[in-house]
Amino acid sequence: MSKKQNIAAMLDAFAGTTACETRATSLVPITRSNKERLTAAAKAHGLNPSAFFCLAADEYITNHEW
């Protein structure tokens, strides 16, 4: 599976909330330079920062046995 296909599959899972699930907001304090860098990375893959952070956290948990 290519990297783009893998991202698309993760986005499909992220978007697949059920009727009983609601979205919540989390605030994460980061430096302005980190925010700019991470937002640019998200946009480069066609993601908004929220989707990018959720996908990154899910991938980290999966790949590091958390």
Protein backbone atom coordinates (compact mmCIF):
# COMPACT_ATOMS: atom_id res chain seq x y z
CA MET A 1 0.00 0.00 0.00
CA SER A 2 1.40 3.38 -0.97
CA LYS A 3 1.83 6.17 1.56
CA LYS A 4 -1.09 8.11 0.01
CA GLN A 5 -3.36 5.05 0.15
CA ASN A 6 -2.34 4.46 3.77
CA ILE A 7 -3.20 8.07 4.69
CA ALA A 8 -6.52 7.78 2.84
CA ALA A 9 -7.37 4.60 4.76
CA MET A 10 -6.56 6.27 8.08
CA LEU A 11 -8.67 9.30 7.12
CA ASP A 12 -11.61 7.02 6.31
CA ALA A 13 -11.32 5.48 9.77
CA PHE A 14 -11.02 8.93 11.37
CA ALA A 15 -14.10 10.22 9.55
CA GLY A 16 -16.16 7.15 10.39
CA THR A 17 -17.81 8.30 13.59
CA THR A 18 -21.09 6.66 14.47
CA ALA A 19 -24.35 8.38 15.34
CA CYS A 20 -23.66 7.99 19.08
CA GLU A 21 -20.15 9.48 18.88
CA THR A 22 -19.53 13.19 19.16
CA ARG A 23 -16.40 15.19 18.54
CA ALA A 24 -14.52 16.82 21.39
CA THR A 25 -11.88 19.53 21.39
CA SER A 26 -8.44 19.16 22.95
CA LEU A 27 -6.00 22.00 23.39
CA VAL A 28 -2.32 21.20 23.06
CA PRO A 29 0.15 23.97 23.85
CA ILE A 30 3.02 24.05 21.34
CA THR A 31 5.45 26.69 20.19
CA ARG A 32 4.50 28.90 17.26
CA SER A 33 7.34 27.42 15.18
CA ASN A 34 6.15 23.86 15.86
CA LYS A 35 2.59 24.82 14.97
CA GLU A 36 3.75 26.31 11.67
CA ARG A 37 5.89 23.25 10.87
CA LEU A 38 3.16 20.74 11.74
CA THR A 39 0.44 22.72 9.94
CA ALA A 40 2.62 22.84 6.83
CA ALA A 41 3.15 19.06 7.03
CA ALA A 42 -0.61 18.53 7.39
CA LYS A 43 -1.42 20.78 4.42
CA ALA A 44 1.23 19.03 2.30
CA HIS A 45 -0.82 15.84 2.71
CA GLY A 46 -4.19 17.51 2.21
CA LEU A 47 -5.11 17.39 5.90
CA ASN A 48 -6.21 19.95 8.42
CA PRO A 49 -4.17 20.09 11.65
CA SER A 50 -6.82 18.23 13.65
CA ALA A 51 -6.88 15.25 11.28
CA PHE A 52 -3.08 15.30 11.08
CA PHE A 53 -2.66 15.18 14.86
CA CYS A 54 -5.25 12.42 15.27
CA LEU A 55 -3.64 10.31 12.55
CA ALA A 56 -0.16 10.90 13.94
CA ALA A 57 -1.22 9.95 17.46
CA ASP A 58 -3.06 6.82 16.26
CA GLU A 59 -0.07 5.75 14.17
CA TYR A 60 2.31 6.33 17.07
CA ILE A 61 0.15 4.27 19.42
CA THR A 62 -0.13 1.45 16.87
CA ASN A 63 3.57 1.37 16.01
CA HIS A 64 4.92 1.76 19.54
CA GLU A 65 2.64 -0.74 21.32
CA TRP A 66 0.98 1.79 23.63
